[in-house]
Amino acid sequence: MKARSKIKVGVIGGSGMAGEELLKFISFHPEIDLIAVSSRQLNGKKIKEIFPQINLDEDIKFCLLKDDNFLKCDAIFFATPHGVSMSLVQPFLKRGIKIIDLSADFRINDSKIWESWYGKKHSAPNLLSQSTYGLTELNSKKIKTSDLVSVPGCYPTASLLSILPLFNTPNTIKAIVIDAKSGISGAGRTSVDTHLKNELKGNFKAYNVGGHRHYPEIKEVIESLSSTKVELSFVPHLLPLMRGIYITSYIQFQKLISDDLVKIYKSFYAHSANVNVLEDNQIPSLRDVNNTNNCQIALFDSTIKDQIVVISAIDNLVKGASGQAIECFNLMFGFEEELSLN
């Protein structure tokens, strides 16, 4: 019997932190044939020289976007800054190449909202309705049949995983306050290397209060799930750590009806290999999730009536980026969702 050929894959933007993590998981994947990885700064250099810890073929080199091998791909991952992929994906899609985009270009369905938060014109608004939001715990069926998947942001991933099951209960959510904390790698390699390491040494602070770009992404998903208006507050902070996302969500209900919410959460995530709902009195820890594709969630009573507290923790570079991208790839090509991630 003839063996099934591997999926030819390219990565555009392979030199950043998310790109590095993505290449690591690709190197573990038994069904991927990596044929092109772009980087303008590292063009011509062997990937093994830059990332010696990644088990890739010695001869694979970084190339430019115009490399013909990208046109031979079955799938392309975009690990590029915001505003890049939207100007590049259409020719690939027309050739039948599937796209998994780690940037924010296709996460928000309304181009006007996207433009107001990202400060530039969206060059492919016609593709927004074709894109699937790549939160596998929410959209696995849609992802399987999609040609363009937008991988959620790191904050939205951890935030939404902490509240998704609540929309399957008779409780009406009135307001959600999300207290979010991230390691500095979420800012990207350049920012980390140029100033964040020194700025946050022994320090801790909020940033982009009332103006973080992940707010409209979280809000749009909540609005799609809720039949009533939900007030949302989101405040991010930077931790003096390299990686990890830690979310504390305060959920205020009109009236709290369901009291066995842990059971509801466990049932909702029963078929997810990545989400672990902790037992009573256990608290999520970044140490337990960093360098994994896992999410830990714990629920607590609040001192405020009709309110609960939900804590979640993920690795921003894995479950919040590259690991989730691999999940989407696996679903799009009919593989087990966790292939290469464990």
Protein backbone atom coordinates (compact mmCIF):
# COMPACT_ATOMS: atom_id res chain seq x y z
CA MET A 1 0.00 0.00 0.00
CA LYS A 2 1.35 3.41 -0.97
CA ALA A 3 2.03 5.63 2.05
CA ARG A 4 0.10 8.89 2.24
CA SER A 5 2.29 11.84 1.31
CA LYS A 6 3.02 14.41 3.99
CA ILE A 7 1.42 17.85 4.06
CA LYS A 8 3.72 20.43 2.48
CA VAL A 9 3.91 23.39 4.84
CA GLY A 10 5.42 26.87 4.79
CA VAL A 11 5.91 29.42 7.56
CA ILE A 12 5.91 33.13 6.79
CA GLY A 13 7.60 35.02 9.61
CA GLY A 14 9.62 32.24 11.18
CA SER A 15 12.17 34.24 13.17
CA GLY A 16 10.00 35.69 15.94
CA MET A 17 9.18 34.09 19.28
CA ALA A 18 5.88 32.61 18.10
CA GLY A 19 7.57 31.49 14.88
CA GLU A 20 10.32 29.75 16.83
CA GLU A 21 7.76 27.87 18.94
CA LEU A 22 5.82 26.98 15.81
CA LEU A 23 8.93 25.53 14.14
CA LYS A 24 9.54 23.44 17.25
CA PHE A 25 6.10 21.83 17.05
CA ILE A 26 6.41 21.39 13.29
CA SER A 27 9.68 19.53 13.85
CA PHE A 28 7.78 17.03 16.03
CA HIS A 29 4.92 16.59 13.55
CA PRO A 30 5.05 13.26 11.69
CA GLU A 31 2.72 14.43 8.90
CA ILE A 32 4.40 17.74 7.99
CA ASP A 33 6.99 18.31 5.28
CA LEU A 34 8.39 21.79 5.97
CA ILE A 35 9.47 23.23 2.61
CA ALA A 36 9.73 27.02 3.17
CA VAL A 37 10.33 29.41 6.08
CA SER A 38 10.60 33.13 5.40
CA SER A 39 12.56 35.82 7.21
CA ARG A 40 13.91 38.97 5.59
CA GLN A 41 16.54 39.50 8.27
CA LEU A 42 17.76 35.89 8.25
CA ASN A 43 17.44 35.12 4.54
CA GLY A 44 19.95 32.46 3.49
CA LYS A 45 20.87 31.39 7.01
CA LYS A 46 20.29 27.82 8.09
CA ILE A 47 17.44 27.52 10.57
CA LYS A 48 19.56 25.10 12.57
CA GLU A 49 22.19 27.82 13.08
CA ILE A 50 19.63 30.24 14.53
CA PHE A 51 17.59 27.70 16.49
CA PRO A 52 19.99 24.80 17.20
CA GLN A 53 17.58 23.31 19.73
CA ILE A 54 14.95 22.63 17.05
CA ASN A 55 15.25 19.25 15.37
CA LEU A 56 14.91 20.29 11.73
CA ASP A 57 16.82 19.17 8.64
CA GLU A 58 20.32 20.66 8.62
CA ASP A 59 19.87 22.08 5.12
CA ILE A 60 16.63 24.04 5.59
CA LYS A 61 17.34 27.76 5.25
CA PHE A 62 15.35 30.91 5.81
CA CYS A 63 14.16 32.35 2.51
CA LEU A 64 12.29 35.34 1.13
CA LEU A 65 8.55 35.45 0.58
CA LYS A 66 9.04 35.23 -3.20
CA ASP A 67 10.51 31.72 -2.87
CA ASP A 68 8.67 29.39 -5.28
CA ASN A 69 8.29 26.72 -2.60
CA PHE A 70 5.50 28.73 -0.96
CA LEU A 71 3.37 28.12 -4.06
CA LYS A 72 3.88 24.36 -3.63
CA CYS A 73 2.50 24.35 -0.09
CA ASP A 74 -0.71 22.71 1.07
CA ALA A 75 -0.81 25.02 4.09
CA ILE A 76 0.97 28.18 5.19
CA PHE A 77 1.29 29.53 8.72
CA PHE A 78 1.56 33.31 9.06
CA ALA A 79 3.51 34.34 12.18
CA THR A 80 3.81 37.94 11.05
CA PRO A 81 3.10 41.33 12.65
CA HIS A 82 -0.44 42.65 12.39
CA GLY A 83 -1.26 44.13 8.98
CA VAL A 84 0.96 41.80 6.94
CA SER A 85 -1.08 38.66 6.27
CA MET A 86 -4.18 40.50 5.03
CA SER A 87 -2.17 41.83 2.08
CA LEU A 88 -0.67 38.44 1.20
CA VAL A 89 -3.17 35.62 1.74
CA GLN A 90 -5.54 36.02 -1.22
CA PRO A 91 -3.25 34.60 -3.95
CA PHE A 92 -2.49 31.59 -1.76
CA LEU A 93 -6.17 30.97 -1.03
CA LYS A 94 -6.97 31.14 -4.76
CA ARG A 95 -4.46 28.34 -5.33
CA GLY A 96 -6.21 26.18 -2.73
CA ILE A 97 -3.55 26.67 -0.05
CA LYS A 98 -4.96 26.64 3.48
CA ILE A 99 -3.96 29.52 5.77
CA ILE A 100 -3.44 29.51 9.54
CA ASP A 101 -2.86 33.10 10.61
CA LEU A 102 -1.36 33.84 14.05
CA SER A 103 -1.75 37.60 13.63
CA ALA A 104 -4.87 39.66 14.42
CA ASP A 105 -5.75 40.47 10.80
CA PHE A 106 -8.80 38.20 10.59
CA ARG A 107 -9.87 37.85 14.23
CA ILE A 108 -12.53 40.59 14.19
CA ASN A 109 -15.43 40.27 11.74
CA ASP A 110 -16.15 43.99 11.38
CA SER A 111 -13.44 45.74 9.36
CA LYS A 112 -14.40 49.16 10.77
CA ILE A 113 -13.93 47.94 14.35
CA TRP A 114 -10.61 46.34 13.36
CA GLU A 115 -9.44 49.57 11.73
CA SER A 116 -10.41 51.70 14.73
CA TRP A 117 -8.31 49.53 17.07
CA TYR A 118 -5.33 48.77 14.81
CA GLY A 119 -5.05 52.20 13.22
CA LYS A 120 -4.80 51.15 9.58
CA LYS A 121 -7.03 50.27 6.64
CA HIS A 122 -7.99 46.61 6.35
CA SER A 123 -6.90 45.51 2.88
CA ALA A 124 -8.96 42.30 2.71
CA PRO A 125 -12.36 42.98 4.31
CA ASN A 126 -13.95 40.54 1.86
CA LEU A 127 -12.15 37.68 3.63
CA LEU A 128 -13.37 38.48 7.14
CA SER A 129 -16.63 36.60 6.65
CA GLN A 130 -14.71 33.60 5.27
CA SER A 131 -12.31 33.42 8.20
CA THR A 132 -12.94 31.05 11.11
CA TYR A 133 -11.97 32.08 14.64
CA GLY A 134 -9.54 29.35 15.67
CA LEU A 135 -10.57 28.67 19.26
CA THR A 136 -10.84 24.90 18.93
CA GLU A 137 -12.88 24.49 22.11
CA LEU A 138 -15.55 26.69 20.51
CA ASN A 139 -15.27 26.22 16.74
CA SER A 140 -13.77 22.79 16.05
CA LYS A 141 -16.42 21.84 13.44
CA LYS A 142 -16.00 25.10 11.51
CA ILE A 143 -12.21 24.85 11.64
CA LYS A 144 -12.30 21.40 10.01
CA THR A 145 -13.88 22.81 6.85
CA SER A 146 -12.20 26.22 6.76
CA ASP A 147 -9.50 27.41 4.36
CA LEU A 148 -8.62 30.48 6.46
CA VAL A 149 -8.30 30.19 10.22
CA SER A 150 -7.42 33.09 12.49
CA VAL A 151 -5.65 31.95 15.65
CA PRO A 152 -6.96 33.84 18.72
CA GLY A 153 -4.76 36.19 20.69
CA CYS A 154 -3.11 35.02 23.88
CA TYR A 155 -5.24 37.11 26.26
CA PRO A 156 -8.51 36.21 24.48
CA THR A 157 -7.61 32.52 24.55
CA ALA A 158 -7.12 32.40 28.32
CA SER A 159 -10.00 34.81 28.98
CA LEU A 160 -12.56 33.05 26.81
CA LEU A 161 -11.63 29.57 28.02
CA SER A 162 -12.34 30.79 31.55
CA ILE A 163 -15.91 31.86 30.72
CA LEU A 164 -17.17 29.79 27.74
CA PRO A 165 -19.04 27.15 29.82
CA LEU A 166 -21.09 29.85 31.56
CA PHE A 167 -23.03 30.54 28.38
CA ASN A 168 -24.38 26.97 28.54
CA THR A 169 -26.13 27.59 31.88
CA PRO A 170 -29.45 29.27 32.80
CA ASN A 171 -27.50 32.10 34.41
CA THR A 172 -27.64 35.54 32.80
CA ILE A 173 -24.27 37.28 32.87
CA LYS A 174 -24.48 40.97 33.71
CA ALA A 175 -20.80 42.00 33.67
CA ILE A 176 -17.31 40.53 33.37
CA VAL A 177 -14.14 42.10 34.73
CA ILE A 178 -10.95 40.51 33.40
CA ASP A 179 -7.73 41.14 35.33
CA ALA A 180 -5.06 39.89 32.91
CA LYS A 181 -1.33 39.37 33.40
CA SER A 182 1.28 38.36 30.83
CA GLY A 183 4.94 37.53 30.60
CA ILE A 184 6.99 39.91 28.47
CA SER A 185 7.38 37.54 25.50
CA GLY A 186 3.87 38.58 24.41
CA ALA A 187 5.38 41.86 23.23
CA GLY A 188 7.63 40.09 20.71
CA ARG A 189 11.35 39.45 20.43
CA THR A 190 12.33 43.00 19.44
CA SER A 191 10.57 44.68 22.38
CA VAL A 192 11.91 42.11 24.83
CA ASP A 193 15.49 42.51 23.62
CA THR A 194 15.47 46.30 23.37
CA HIS A 195 13.85 47.45 26.61
CA LEU A 196 11.34 45.22 28.38
CA LYS A 197 13.86 42.95 30.11
CA ASN A 198 15.41 45.90 31.95
CA GLU A 199 12.19 47.88 32.37
CA LEU A 200 10.42 45.03 34.15
CA LYS A 201 13.29 43.70 36.22
CA GLY A 202 11.80 43.62 39.73
CA ASN A 203 8.80 45.53 38.42
CA PHE A 204 5.10 44.94 37.67
CA LYS A 205 2.65 47.30 35.99
CA ALA A 206 -0.56 47.70 34.03
CA TYR A 207 -0.45 48.88 30.42
CA ASN A 208 -2.89 49.93 27.67
CA VAL A 209 -5.62 50.37 30.29
CA GLY A 210 -8.91 50.80 28.43
CA GLY A 211 -7.18 50.52 25.08
CA HIS A 212 -5.77 47.04 24.55
CA ARG A 213 -6.44 45.57 21.10
CA HIS A 214 -7.55 42.24 22.53
CA TYR A 215 -10.59 43.89 24.13
CA PRO A 216 -12.74 44.02 20.95
CA GLU A 217 -11.75 40.45 20.12
CA ILE A 218 -12.99 39.17 23.48
CA LYS A 219 -16.07 41.39 23.30
CA GLU A 220 -17.08 40.13 19.86
CA VAL A 221 -17.01 36.48 20.96
CA ILE A 222 -18.98 37.24 24.14
CA GLU A 223 -21.60 39.11 22.11
CA SER A 224 -21.94 36.15 19.75
CA LEU A 225 -22.61 33.82 22.69
CA SER A 226 -24.84 35.95 24.90
CA SER A 227 -28.49 36.80 24.21
CA THR A 228 -28.24 39.80 26.54
CA LYS A 229 -25.84 42.73 26.84
CA VAL A 230 -22.73 41.93 28.89
CA GLU A 231 -20.60 44.77 30.24
CA LEU A 232 -16.91 43.98 29.82
CA SER A 233 -13.82 45.46 31.45
CA PHE A 234 -10.34 44.23 30.49
CA VAL A 235 -7.09 45.45 32.07
CA PRO A 236 -3.75 43.84 31.11
CA HIS A 237 -0.55 43.85 33.18
CA LEU A 238 3.05 42.86 32.47
CA LEU A 239 4.77 40.39 34.76
CA PRO A 240 8.56 40.30 35.25
CA LEU A 241 8.54 36.82 33.66
CA MET A 242 9.36 35.66 30.14
CA ARG A 243 6.18 33.73 29.40
CA GLY A 244 2.70 32.86 30.64
CA ILE A 245 -0.80 34.35 30.81
CA TYR A 246 -2.69 34.51 34.11
CA ILE A 247 -6.33 35.60 34.07
CA THR A 248 -8.63 36.39 36.99
CA SER A 249 -12.20 36.91 35.76
CA TYR A 250 -14.93 38.33 37.98
CA ILE A 251 -18.32 37.29 36.57
CA GLN A 252 -21.37 39.13 37.83
CA PHE A 253 -24.74 37.47 37.19
CA GLN A 254 -28.21 38.96 37.27
CA LYS A 255 -29.00 36.14 39.69
CA LEU A 256 -26.79 33.09 40.27
CA ILE A 257 -28.98 30.02 39.72
CA SER A 258 -26.60 27.13 39.02
CA ASP A 259 -24.44 26.30 42.01
CA ASP A 260 -22.58 23.25 40.66
CA LEU A 261 -20.54 25.22 38.16
CA VAL A 262 -17.43 23.06 38.52
CA LYS A 263 -19.45 20.10 37.24
CA ILE A 264 -20.68 22.22 34.31
CA TYR A 265 -17.11 23.24 33.45
CA LYS A 266 -15.84 19.67 33.65
CA SER A 267 -18.65 18.50 31.37
CA PHE A 268 -18.00 21.31 28.86
CA TYR A 269 -14.30 20.46 28.63
CA ALA A 270 -14.67 16.68 28.99
CA HIS A 271 -13.42 16.07 25.45
CA SER A 272 -10.63 18.64 25.50
CA ALA A 273 -7.17 17.23 26.10
CA ASN A 274 -5.83 20.73 26.76
CA VAL A 275 -8.15 22.17 29.40
CA ASN A 276 -7.89 20.98 32.98
CA VAL A 277 -10.62 22.13 35.38
CA LEU A 278 -9.07 21.93 38.83
CA GLU A 279 -10.70 20.55 41.95
CA ASP A 280 -11.83 22.70 44.86
CA ASN A 281 -9.09 24.75 46.54
CA GLN A 282 -6.57 24.11 43.74
CA ILE A 283 -5.14 27.22 42.11
CA PRO A 284 -3.78 27.48 38.55
CA SER A 285 -0.03 27.99 38.27
CA LEU A 286 2.08 29.30 35.40
CA ARG A 287 4.77 26.82 36.34
CA ASP A 288 2.36 23.98 35.54
CA VAL A 289 1.33 25.27 32.10
CA ASN A 290 4.39 27.03 30.69
CA ASN A 291 6.02 25.18 27.79
CA THR A 292 2.81 23.14 27.36
CA ASN A 293 -0.36 23.47 25.30
CA ASN A 294 -2.49 23.19 28.43
CA CYS A 295 -4.90 25.54 30.17
CA GLN A 296 -5.70 25.29 33.87
CA ILE A 297 -9.00 26.67 35.16
CA ALA A 298 -10.34 27.01 38.71
CA LEU A 299 -13.61 28.43 40.06
CA PHE A 300 -14.12 30.24 43.35
CA ASP A 301 -16.96 31.85 45.27
CA SER A 302 -16.86 35.62 45.56
CA THR A 303 -17.56 37.84 48.55
CA ILE A 304 -19.99 39.72 46.30
CA LYS A 305 -23.49 38.34 45.88
CA ASP A 306 -24.29 36.63 42.55
CA GLN A 307 -20.64 36.76 41.52
CA ILE A 308 -17.99 34.08 40.93
CA VAL A 309 -14.24 34.26 40.34
CA VAL A 310 -12.62 32.16 37.60
CA ILE A 311 -8.84 31.87 37.24
CA SER A 312 -7.10 30.52 34.15
CA ALA A 313 -3.47 30.06 33.14
CA ILE A 314 -1.79 29.28 29.81
CA ASP A 315 1.55 29.68 28.06
CA ASN A 316 1.13 32.68 25.76
CA LEU A 317 3.55 31.31 23.15
CA VAL A 318 2.02 27.82 23.05
CA LYS A 319 -1.70 27.56 23.88
CA GLY A 320 -1.93 31.29 23.22
CA ALA A 321 -0.23 31.10 19.81
CA SER A 322 1.79 28.32 18.15
CA GLY A 323 0.26 25.32 19.93
CA GLN A 324 -3.23 26.53 19.13
CA ALA A 325 -2.15 27.08 15.52
CA ILE A 326 -1.04 23.44 15.31
CA GLU A 327 -4.39 22.35 16.79
CA CYS A 328 -6.14 24.22 13.97
CA PHE A 329 -3.83 22.73 11.33
CA ASN A 330 -4.52 19.24 12.64
CA LEU A 331 -8.28 19.74 12.49
CA MET A 332 -8.09 21.24 8.99
CA PHE A 333 -6.23 18.18 7.67
CA GLY A 334 -8.08 15.48 9.57
CA PHE A 335 -5.43 14.62 12.16
CA GLU A 336 -5.83 14.15 15.89
CA GLU A 337 -6.03 17.61 17.43
CA GLU A 338 -3.08 16.99 19.75
CA LEU A 339 -0.69 15.53 17.17
CA SER A 340 2.89 16.81 17.84
CA LEU A 341 1.83 18.86 20.88
CA ASN A 342 2.56 16.37 23.65
